[in-house]
Amino acid sequence: MARLIARVAAVARQVLVSIDQLAQVLIVGAVFILGLTSTCPSADETISSYVGRGELRGVWWARILAPAIDTLFLLLGEEPGHCRRNVETAFLGDAPTP
């Protein structure tokens, strides 16, 4: 029974990550379409990764959002610095072009 619960938990985590990635594409996609960013969204990146990259670049909105997201994950029992720690290494360069 414990093995089944662990498998369900693993699948549930992946579903949550995919929802996070979809939300990132919808949010960043809307901003990209409006011309407010030159970064095209990628379905492989989470909100935390996108915000973490922005924070590393010193972007004003990321310096506001990262501490809020980091605090949420601290409350969930994670270590400090969630956004920076979750930056996808594939996205440290340029994001995919449309």
PDB file of N, CA and C in Angstrom:
ATOM      1  N   MET A   1       0.817  -1.202   0.000  1.00  0.00           N
ATOM      2  CA  MET A   1       0.000   0.000   0.000  1.00  0.00           C
ATOM      3  C   MET A   1       0.865   1.273   0.000  1.00  0.00           C
ATOM      4  N   ALA A   2       1.961   1.246   0.753  1.00  0.00           N
ATOM      5  CA  ALA A   2       2.850   2.409   0.805  1.00  0.00           C
ATOM      6  C   ALA A   2       3.458   2.687  -0.569  1.00  0.00           C
ATOM      7  N   ARG A   3       3.753   1.613  -1.305  1.00  0.00           N
ATOM      8  CA  ARG A   3       4.331   1.775  -2.642  1.00  0.00           C
ATOM      9  C   ARG A   3       3.325   2.427  -3.590  1.00  0.00           C
ATOM     10  N   LEU A   4       2.062   2.058  -3.480  1.00  0.00           N
ATOM     11  CA  LEU A   4       1.010   2.656  -4.293  1.00  0.00           C
ATOM     12  C   LEU A   4       0.864   4.142  -3.980  1.00  0.00           C
ATOM     13  N   ILE A   5       0.873   4.475  -2.711  1.00  0.00           N
ATOM     14  CA  ILE A   5       0.761   5.884  -2.294  1.00  0.00           C
ATOM     15  C   ILE A   5       1.938   6.689  -2.834  1.00  0.00           C
ATOM     16  N   ALA A   6       3.134   6.118  -2.789  1.00  0.00           N
ATOM     17  CA  ALA A   6       4.322   6.807  -3.306  1.00  0.00           C
ATOM     18  C   ALA A   6       4.202   7.031  -4.812  1.00  0.00           C
ATOM     19  N   ARG A   7       3.669   6.055  -5.518  1.00  0.00           N
ATOM     20  CA  ARG A   7       3.505   6.195  -6.972  1.00  0.00           C
ATOM     21  C   ARG A   7       2.458   7.254  -7.302  1.00  0.00           C
ATOM     22  N   VAL A   8       1.358   7.254  -6.566  1.00  0.00           N
ATOM     23  CA  VAL A   8       0.318   8.270  -6.776  1.00  0.00           C
ATOM     24  C   VAL A   8       0.882   9.662  -6.482  1.00  0.00           C
ATOM     25  N   ALA A   9       1.660   9.777  -5.417  1.00  0.00           N
ATOM     26  CA  ALA A   9       2.269  11.062  -5.059  1.00  0.00           C
ATOM     27  C   ALA A   9       3.225  11.532  -6.153  1.00  0.00           C
ATOM     28  N   ALA A  10       3.986  10.601  -6.741  1.00  0.00           N
ATOM     29  CA  ALA A  10       4.926  10.965  -7.806  1.00  0.00           C
ATOM     30  C   ALA A  10       4.177  11.480  -9.038  1.00  0.00           C
ATOM     31  N   VAL A  11       3.083  10.813  -9.392  1.00  0.00           N
ATOM     32  CA  VAL A  11       2.293  11.256 -10.540  1.00  0.00           C
ATOM     33  C   VAL A  11       1.626  12.597 -10.236  1.00  0.00           C
ATOM     34  N   ALA A  12       1.098  12.750  -9.032  1.00  0.00           N
ATOM     35  CA  ALA A  12       0.449  14.002  -8.640  1.00  0.00           C
ATOM     36  C   ALA A  12       1.428  15.170  -8.720  1.00  0.00           C
ATOM     37  N   ARG A  13       2.669  14.953  -8.306  1.00  0.00           N
ATOM     38  CA  ARG A  13       3.684  16.006  -8.379  1.00  0.00           C
ATOM     39  C   ARG A  13       3.921  16.417  -9.832  1.00  0.00           C
ATOM     40  N   GLN A  14       4.003  15.434 -10.727  1.00  0.00           N
ATOM     41  CA  GLN A  14       4.217  15.736 -12.138  1.00  0.00           C
ATOM     42  C   GLN A  14       3.033  16.493 -12.739  1.00  0.00           C
ATOM     43  N   VAL A  15       1.834  16.161 -12.312  1.00  0.00           N
ATOM     44  CA  VAL A  15       0.647  16.893 -12.772  1.00  0.00           C
ATOM     45  C   VAL A  15       0.720  18.345 -12.304  1.00  0.00           C
ATOM     46  N   LEU A  16       1.114  18.565 -11.057  1.00  0.00           N
ATOM     47  CA  LEU A  16       1.236  19.935 -10.548  1.00  0.00           C
ATOM     48  C   LEU A  16       2.311  20.714 -11.298  1.00  0.00           C
ATOM     49  N   VAL A  17       3.426  20.070 -11.607  1.00  0.00           N
ATOM     50  CA  VAL A  17       4.482  20.739 -12.373  1.00  0.00           C
ATOM     51  C   VAL A  17       3.969  21.111 -13.765  1.00  0.00           C
ATOM     52  N   SER A  18       3.217  20.212 -14.394  1.00  0.00           N
ATOM     53  CA  SER A  18       2.703  20.521 -15.730  1.00  0.00           C
ATOM     54  C   SER A  18       1.697  21.669 -15.695  1.00  0.00           C
ATOM     55  N   ILE A  19       0.900  21.748 -14.641  1.00  0.00           N
ATOM     56  CA  ILE A  19      -0.025  22.878 -14.481  1.00  0.00           C
ATOM     57  C   ILE A  19       0.765  24.173 -14.311  1.00  0.00           C
ATOM     58  N   ASP A  20       1.845  24.116 -13.535  1.00  0.00           N
ATOM     59  CA  ASP A  20       2.724  25.271 -13.329  1.00  0.00           C
ATOM     60  C   ASP A  20       3.323  25.717 -14.664  1.00  0.00           C
ATOM     61  N   GLN A  21       3.783  24.763 -15.472  1.00  0.00           N
ATOM     62  CA  GLN A  21       4.363  25.090 -16.768  1.00  0.00           C
ATOM     63  C   GLN A  21       3.319  25.709 -17.704  1.00  0.00           C
ATOM     64  N   LEU A  22       2.117  25.164 -17.689  1.00  0.00           N
ATOM     65  CA  LEU A  22       1.035  25.730 -18.511  1.00  0.00           C
ATOM     66  C   LEU A  22       0.729  27.163 -18.079  1.00  0.00           C
ATOM     67  N   ALA A  23       0.646  27.396 -16.784  1.00  0.00           N
ATOM     68  CA  ALA A  23       0.371  28.741 -16.285  1.00  0.00           C
ATOM     69  C   ALA A  23       1.462  29.717 -16.729  1.00  0.00           C
ATOM     70  N   GLN A  24       2.717  29.272 -16.684  1.00  0.00           N
ATOM     71  CA  GLN A  24       3.829  30.119 -17.114  1.00  0.00           C
ATOM     72  C   GLN A  24       3.693  30.462 -18.585  1.00  0.00           C
ATOM     73  N   VAL A  25       3.336  29.488 -19.424  1.00  0.00           N
ATOM     74  CA  VAL A  25       3.184  29.749 -20.860  1.00  0.00           C
ATOM     75  C   VAL A  25       2.034  30.731 -21.100  1.00  0.00           C
ATOM     76  N   LEU A  26       0.926  30.565 -20.391  1.00  0.00           N
ATOM     77  CA  LEU A  26      -0.217  31.459 -20.575  1.00  0.00           C
ATOM     78  C   LEU A  26       0.103  32.886 -20.135  1.00  0.00           C
ATOM     79  N   ILE A  27       0.737  33.025 -18.979  1.00  0.00           N
ATOM     80  CA  ILE A  27       1.056  34.355 -18.451  1.00  0.00           C
ATOM     81  C   ILE A  27       2.126  35.042 -19.300  1.00  0.00           C
ATOM     82  N   VAL A  28       3.260  34.368 -19.478  1.00  0.00           N
ATOM     83  CA  VAL A  28       4.355  34.969 -20.253  1.00  0.00           C
ATOM     84  C   VAL A  28       3.941  35.112 -21.715  1.00  0.00           C
ATOM     85  N   GLY A  29       3.149  34.157 -22.221  1.00  0.00           N
ATOM     86  CA  GLY A  29       2.676  34.255 -23.595  1.00  0.00           C
ATOM     87  C   GLY A  29       1.842  35.500 -23.830  1.00  0.00           C
ATOM     88  N   ALA A  30       0.956  35.808 -22.884  1.00  0.00           N
ATOM     89  CA  ALA A  30       0.135  37.016 -23.007  1.00  0.00           C
ATOM     90  C   ALA A  30       1.011  38.274 -22.987  1.00  0.00           C
ATOM     91  N   VAL A  31       1.981  38.294 -22.102  1.00  0.00           N
ATOM     92  CA  VAL A  31       2.883  39.449 -22.005  1.00  0.00           C
ATOM     93  C   VAL A  31       3.725  39.559 -23.277  1.00  0.00           C
ATOM     94  N   PHE A  32       4.165  38.409 -23.811  1.00  0.00           N
ATOM     95  CA  PHE A  32       4.948  38.380 -25.047  1.00  0.00           C
ATOM     96  C   PHE A  32       4.114  38.885 -26.223  1.00  0.00           C
ATOM     97  N   ILE A  33       2.875  38.428 -26.335  1.00  0.00           N
ATOM     98  CA  ILE A  33       1.990  38.857 -27.425  1.00  0.00           C
ATOM     99  C   ILE A  33       1.755  40.366 -27.372  1.00  0.00           C
ATOM    100  N   LEU A  34       1.618  40.905 -26.160  1.00  0.00           N
ATOM    101  CA  LEU A  34       1.409  42.346 -26.006  1.00  0.00           C
ATOM    102  C   LEU A  34       2.679  43.156 -26.241  1.00  0.00           C
ATOM    103  N   GLY A  35       3.803  42.480 -26.420  1.00  0.00           N
ATOM    104  CA  GLY A  35       5.062  43.170 -26.684  1.00  0.00           C
ATOM    105  C   GLY A  35       5.727  43.736 -25.448  1.00  0.00           C
ATOM    106  N   LEU A  36       5.333  43.252 -24.268  1.00  0.00           N
ATOM    107  CA  LEU A  36       5.911  43.758 -23.025  1.00  0.00           C
ATOM    108  C   LEU A  36       7.165  43.004 -22.606  1.00  0.00           C
ATOM    109  N   THR A  37       7.478  41.925 -23.319  1.00  0.00           N
ATOM    110  CA  THR A  37       8.716  41.182 -23.109  1.00  0.00           C
ATOM    111  C   THR A  37       9.165  40.635 -24.448  1.00  0.00           C
ATOM    112  N   SER A  38      10.465  40.450 -24.577  1.00  0.00           N
ATOM    113  CA  SER A  38      10.986  39.857 -25.809  1.00  0.00           C
ATOM    114  C   SER A  38      11.223  38.364 -25.637  1.00  0.00           C
ATOM    115  N   THR A  39      10.910  37.845 -24.451  1.00  0.00           N
ATOM    116  CA  THR A  39      11.135  36.440 -24.142  1.00  0.00           C
ATOM    117  C   THR A  39       9.906  35.614 -24.487  1.00  0.00           C
ATOM    118  N   CYS A  40      10.072  34.718 -25.428  1.00  0.00           N
ATOM    119  CA  CYS A  40       8.995  33.799 -25.796  1.00  0.00           C
ATOM    120  C   CYS A  40       8.893  32.722 -24.710  1.00  0.00           C
ATOM    121  N   PRO A  41       7.692  32.377 -24.266  1.00  0.00           N
ATOM    122  CA  PRO A  41       7.570  31.358 -23.220  1.00  0.00           C
ATOM    123  C   PRO A  41       7.936  29.975 -23.738  1.00  0.00           C
ATOM    124  N   SER A  42       8.328  29.107 -22.817  1.00  0.00           N
ATOM    125  CA  SER A  42       8.647  27.726 -23.154  1.00  0.00           C
ATOM    126  C   SER A  42       7.831  26.801 -22.264  1.00  0.00           C
ATOM    127  N   ALA A  43       7.266  25.767 -22.857  1.00  0.00           N
ATOM    128  CA  ALA A  43       6.459  24.801 -22.110  1.00  0.00           C
ATOM    129  C   ALA A  43       7.301  23.972 -21.150  1.00  0.00           C
ATOM    130  N   ASP A  44       8.609  24.052 -21.235  1.00  0.00           N
ATOM    131  CA  ASP A  44       9.490  23.283 -20.354  1.00  0.00           C
ATOM    132  C   ASP A  44       9.888  24.036 -19.089  1.00  0.00           C
ATOM    133  N   GLU A  45       9.386  25.244 -18.908  1.00  0.00           N
ATOM    134  CA  GLU A  45       9.836  26.064 -17.784  1.00  0.00           C
ATOM    135  C   GLU A  45       8.688  26.362 -16.828  1.00  0.00           C
ATOM    136  N   THR A  46       8.973  26.304 -15.534  1.00  0.00           N
ATOM    137  CA  THR A  46       7.973  26.632 -14.517  1.00  0.00           C
ATOM    138  C   THR A  46       7.996  28.134 -14.231  1.00  0.00           C
ATOM    139  N   ILE A  47       6.995  28.582 -13.511  1.00  0.00           N
ATOM    140  CA  ILE A  47       6.938  29.984 -13.090  1.00  0.00           C
ATOM    141  C   ILE A  47       8.157  30.319 -12.233  1.00  0.00           C
ATOM    142  N   SER A  48       8.500  29.429 -11.316  1.00  0.00           N
ATOM    143  CA  SER A  48       9.651  29.675 -10.436  1.00  0.00           C
ATOM    144  C   SER A  48      10.937  29.833 -11.228  1.00  0.00           C
ATOM    145  N   SER A  49      11.137  29.000 -12.237  1.00  0.00           N
ATOM    146  CA  SER A  49      12.336  29.097 -13.063  1.00  0.00           C
ATOM    147  C   SER A  49      12.365  30.418 -13.823  1.00  0.00           C
ATOM    148  N   TYR A  50      11.240  30.804 -14.406  1.00  0.00           N
ATOM    149  CA  TYR A  50      11.166  32.053 -15.157  1.00  0.00           C
ATOM    150  C   TYR A  50      11.453  33.252 -14.247  1.00  0.00           C
ATOM    151  N   VAL A  51      10.843  33.250 -13.069  1.00  0.00           N
ATOM    152  CA  VAL A  51      11.069  34.339 -12.112  1.00  0.00           C
ATOM    153  C   VAL A  51      12.512  34.318 -11.621  1.00  0.00           C
ATOM    154  N   GLY A  52      13.051  33.128 -11.372  1.00  0.00           N
ATOM    155  CA  GLY A  52      14.450  33.017 -10.927  1.00  0.00           C
ATOM    156  C   GLY A  52      15.420  33.578 -11.954  1.00  0.00           C
ATOM    157  N   ARG A  53      15.170  33.300 -13.244  1.00  0.00           N
ATOM    158  CA  ARG A  53      16.025  33.873 -14.290  1.00  0.00           C
ATOM    159  C   ARG A  53      15.922  35.389 -14.304  1.00  0.00           C
ATOM    160  N   GLY A  54      14.703  35.886 -14.137  1.00  0.00           N
ATOM    161  CA  GLY A  54      14.527  37.333 -14.088  1.00  0.00           C
ATOM    162  C   GLY A  54      15.246  37.944 -12.901  1.00  0.00           C
ATOM    163  N   GLU A  55      15.181  37.263 -11.786  1.00  0.00           N
ATOM    164  CA  GLU A  55      15.872  37.746 -10.585  1.00  0.00           C
ATOM    165  C   GLU A  55      17.390  37.775 -10.807  1.00  0.00           C
ATOM    166  N   LEU A  56      17.932  36.743 -11.449  1.00  0.00           N
ATOM    167  CA  LEU A  56      19.368  36.717 -11.739  1.00  0.00           C
ATOM    168  C   LEU A  56      19.780  37.859 -12.659  1.00  0.00           C
ATOM    169  N   ARG A  57      18.865  38.266 -13.550  1.00  0.00           N
ATOM    170  CA  ARG A  57      19.148  39.389 -14.456  1.00  0.00           C
ATOM    171  C   ARG A  57      18.880  40.746 -13.790  1.00  0.00           C
ATOM    172  N   GLY A  58      18.279  40.733 -12.600  1.00  0.00           N
ATOM    173  CA  GLY A  58      18.003  41.979 -11.888  1.00  0.00           C
ATOM    174  C   GLY A  58      16.756  42.698 -12.345  1.00  0.00           C
ATOM    175  N   VAL A  59      15.833  41.992 -12.977  1.00  0.00           N
ATOM    176  CA  VAL A  59      14.599  42.606 -13.477  1.00  0.00           C
ATOM    177  C   VAL A  59      13.710  42.986 -12.289  1.00  0.00           C
ATOM    178  N   TRP A  60      13.118  44.167 -12.340  1.00  0.00           N
ATOM    179  CA  TRP A  60      12.387  44.712 -11.192  1.00  0.00           C
ATOM    180  C   TRP A  60      11.236  43.819 -10.741  1.00  0.00           C
ATOM    181  N   TRP A  61      10.436  43.288 -11.670  1.00  0.00           N
ATOM    182  CA  TRP A  61       9.272  42.493 -11.287  1.00  0.00           C
ATOM    183  C   TRP A  61       9.696  41.178 -10.640  1.00  0.00           C
ATOM    184  N   ALA A  62      10.825  40.627 -11.085  1.00  0.00           N
ATOM    185  CA  ALA A  62      11.309  39.367 -10.508  1.00  0.00           C
ATOM    186  C   ALA A  62      11.840  39.588  -9.097  1.00  0.00           C
ATOM    187  N   ARG A  63      12.417  40.769  -8.850  1.00  0.00           N
ATOM    188  CA  ARG A  63      12.907  41.063  -7.495  1.00  0.00           C
ATOM    189  C   ARG A  63      11.746  41.204  -6.516  1.00  0.00           C
ATOM    190  N   ILE A  64      10.546  41.465  -7.028  1.00  0.00           N
ATOM    191  CA  ILE A  64       9.351  41.536  -6.183  1.00  0.00           C
ATOM    192  C   ILE A  64       8.718  40.152  -6.036  1.00  0.00           C
ATOM    193  N   LEU A  65       8.583  39.430  -7.148  1.00  0.00           N
ATOM    194  CA  LEU A  65       7.903  38.128  -7.123  1.00  0.00           C
ATOM    195  C   LEU A  65       8.715  37.020  -6.464  1.00  0.00           C
ATOM    196  N   ALA A  66      10.020  36.994  -6.675  1.00  0.00           N
ATOM    197  CA  ALA A  66      10.847  35.902  -6.145  1.00  0.00           C
ATOM    198  C   ALA A  66      10.724  35.756  -4.632  1.00  0.00           C
ATOM    199  N   PRO A  67      10.824  36.832  -3.844  1.00  0.00           N
ATOM    200  CA  PRO A  67      10.677  36.648  -2.399  1.00  0.00           C
ATOM    201  C   PRO A  67       9.296  36.114  -1.995  1.00  0.00           C
ATOM    202  N   ALA A  68       8.252  36.506  -2.717  1.00  0.00           N
ATOM    203  CA  ALA A  68       6.904  36.008  -2.412  1.00  0.00           C
ATOM    204  C   ALA A  68       6.814  34.508  -2.695  1.00  0.00           C
ATOM    205  N   ILE A  69       7.326  34.086  -3.846  1.00  0.00           N
ATOM    206  CA  ILE A  69       7.311  32.657  -4.189  1.00  0.00           C
ATOM    207  C   ILE A  69       8.208  31.878  -3.230  1.00  0.00           C
ATOM    208  N   ASP A  70       9.389  32.424  -2.940  1.00  0.00           N
ATOM    209  CA  ASP A  70      10.307  31.756  -2.010  1.00  0.00           C
ATOM    210  C   ASP A  70       9.664  31.580  -0.639  1.00  0.00           C
ATOM    211  N   THR A  71       8.936  32.586  -0.162  1.00  0.00           N
ATOM    212  CA  THR A  71       8.261  32.502   1.128  1.00  0.00           C
ATOM    213  C   THR A  71       7.199  31.414   1.122  1.00  0.00           C
ATOM    214  N   LEU A  72       6.436  31.320   0.043  1.00  0.00           N
ATOM    215  CA  LEU A  72       5.433  30.260  -0.076  1.00  0.00           C
ATOM    216  C   LEU A  72       6.084  28.887   0.060  1.00  0.00           C
ATOM    217  N   PHE A  73       7.194  28.681  -0.636  1.00  0.00           N
ATOM    218  CA  PHE A  73       7.854  27.382  -0.570  1.00  0.00           C
ATOM    219  C   PHE A  73       8.561  27.155   0.762  1.00  0.00           C
ATOM    220  N   LEU A  74       8.996  28.227   1.433  1.00  0.00           N
ATOM    221  CA  LEU A  74       9.515  28.074   2.802  1.00  0.00           C
ATOM    222  C   LEU A  74       8.430  27.536   3.723  1.00  0.00           C
ATOM    223  N   LEU A  75       7.217  28.059   3.561  1.00  0.00           N
ATOM    224  CA  LEU A  75       6.092  27.592   4.375  1.00  0.00           C
ATOM    225  C   LEU A  75       5.745  26.130   4.084  1.00  0.00           C
ATOM    226  N   LEU A  76       6.073  25.684   2.867  1.00  0.00           N
ATOM    227  CA  LEU A  76       5.834  24.292   2.491  1.00  0.00           C
ATOM    228  C   LEU A  76       6.993  23.378   2.883  1.00  0.00           C
ATOM    229  N   GLY A  77       7.999  23.960   3.556  1.00  0.00           N
ATOM    230  CA  GLY A  77       9.101  23.156   4.084  1.00  0.00           C
ATOM    231  C   GLY A  77      10.341  23.091   3.223  1.00  0.00           C
ATOM    232  N   GLU A  78      10.432  23.943   2.210  1.00  0.00           N
ATOM    233  CA  GLU A  78      11.600  23.928   1.343  1.00  0.00           C
ATOM    234  C   GLU A  78      12.678  24.868   1.863  1.00  0.00           C
ATOM    235  N   GLU A  79      13.879  24.706   1.350  1.00  0.00           N
ATOM    236  CA  GLU A  79      15.000  25.566   1.709  1.00  0.00           C
ATOM    237  C   GLU A  79      14.821  26.951   1.078  1.00  0.00           C
ATOM    238  N   PRO A  80      15.480  27.986   1.621  1.00  0.00           N
ATOM    239  CA  PRO A  80      15.406  29.330   1.022  1.00  0.00           C
ATOM    240  C   PRO A  80      15.965  29.344  -0.409  1.00  0.00           C
ATOM    241  N   GLY A  81      15.520  30.301  -1.196  1.00  0.00           N
ATOM    242  CA  GLY A  81      16.043  30.496  -2.541  1.00  0.00           C
ATOM    243  C   GLY A  81      15.419  29.584  -3.586  1.00  0.00           C
ATOM    244  N   HIS A  82      14.145  29.272  -3.441  1.00  0.00           N
ATOM    245  CA  HIS A  82      13.466  28.342  -4.352  1.00  0.00           C
ATOM    246  C   HIS A  82      13.592  28.765  -5.814  1.00  0.00           C
ATOM    247  N   CYS A  83      13.322  30.010  -6.127  1.00  0.00           N
ATOM    248  CA  CYS A  83      13.307  30.450  -7.530  1.00  0.00           C
ATOM    249  C   CYS A  83      14.678  30.312  -8.183  1.00  0.00           C
ATOM    250  N   ARG A  84      15.702  30.802  -7.538  1.00  0.00           N
ATOM    251  CA  ARG A  84      17.048  30.709  -8.118  1.00  0.00           C
ATOM    252  C   ARG A  84      17.501  29.261  -8.230  1.00  0.00           C
ATOM    253  N   ARG A  85      17.151  28.458  -7.254  1.00  0.00           N
ATOM    254  CA  ARG A  85      17.546  27.052  -7.253  1.00  0.00           C
ATOM    255  C   ARG A  85      16.839  26.264  -8.354  1.00  0.00           C
ATOM    256  N   ASN A  86      15.679  26.727  -8.791  1.00  0.00           N
ATOM    257  CA  ASN A  86      14.899  26.001  -9.789  1.00  0.00           C
ATOM    258  C   ASN A  86      15.010  26.558 -11.196  1.00  0.00           C
ATOM    259  N   VAL A  87      15.957  27.468 -11.417  1.00  0.00           N
ATOM    260  CA  VAL A  87      16.185  27.962 -12.774  1.00  0.00           C
ATOM    261  C   VAL A  87      16.654  26.783 -13.617  1.00  0.00           C
ATOM    262  N   GLU A  88      15.944  26.547 -14.693  1.00  0.00           N
ATOM    263  CA  GLU A  88      16.318  25.462 -15.608  1.00  0.00           C
ATOM    264  C   GLU A  88      17.611  25.861 -16.312  1.00  0.00           C
ATOM    265  N   THR A  89      18.623  25.023 -16.215  1.00  0.00           N
ATOM    266  CA  THR A  89      19.914  25.367 -16.813  1.00  0.00           C
ATOM    267  C   THR A  89      19.812  25.549 -18.321  1.00  0.00           C
ATOM    268  N   ALA A  90      18.853  24.887 -18.957  1.00  0.00           N
ATOM    269  CA  ALA A  90      18.680  25.043 -20.398  1.00  0.00           C
ATOM    270  C   ALA A  90      18.246  26.454 -20.763  1.00  0.00           C
ATOM    271  N   PHE A  91      17.708  27.197 -19.785  1.00  0.00           N
ATOM    272  CA  PHE A  91      17.180  28.533 -20.066  1.00  0.00           C
ATOM    273  C   PHE A  91      18.080  29.652 -19.573  1.00  0.00           C
ATOM    274  N   LEU A  92      19.284  29.312 -19.179  1.00  0.00           N
ATOM    275  CA  LEU A  92      20.195  30.369 -18.740  1.00  0.00           C
ATOM    276  C   LEU A  92      20.663  31.208 -19.913  1.00  0.00           C
ATOM    277  N   GLY A  93      20.565  30.668 -21.102  1.00  0.00           N
ATOM    278  CA  GLY A  93      20.840  31.430 -22.330  1.00  0.00           C
ATOM    279  C   GLY A  93      19.543  32.058 -22.792  1.00  0.00           C
ATOM    280  N   ASP A  94      19.381  32.155 -24.075  1.00  0.00           N
ATOM    281  CA  ASP A  94      18.158  32.735 -24.634  1.00  0.00           C
ATOM    282  C   ASP A  94      17.028  31.709 -24.646  1.00  0.00           C
ATOM    283  N   ALA A  95      15.829  32.173 -24.427  1.00  0.00           N
ATOM    284  CA  ALA A  95      14.653  31.315 -24.531  1.00  0.00           C
ATOM    285  C   ALA A  95      14.408  31.007 -26.011  1.00  0.00           C
ATOM    286  N   PRO A  96      13.637  29.975 -26.285  1.00  0.00           N
ATOM    287  CA  PRO A  96      13.353  29.633 -27.685  1.00  0.00           C
ATOM    288  C   PRO A  96      12.692  30.798 -28.416  1.00  0.00           C
ATOM    289  N   THR A  97      12.979  30.917 -29.696  1.00  0.00           N
ATOM    290  CA  THR A  97      12.336  31.959 -30.498  1.00  0.00           C
ATOM    291  C   THR A  97      11.049  31.395 -31.081  1.00  0.00           C
ATOM    292  N   PRO A  98      10.057  32.259 -31.296  1.00  0.00           N
ATOM    293  CA  PRO A  98       8.769  31.773 -31.789  1.00  0.00           C
ATOM    294  C   PRO A  98       8.869  31.245 -33.214  1.00  0.00           C
TER     295      PRO A  98
END
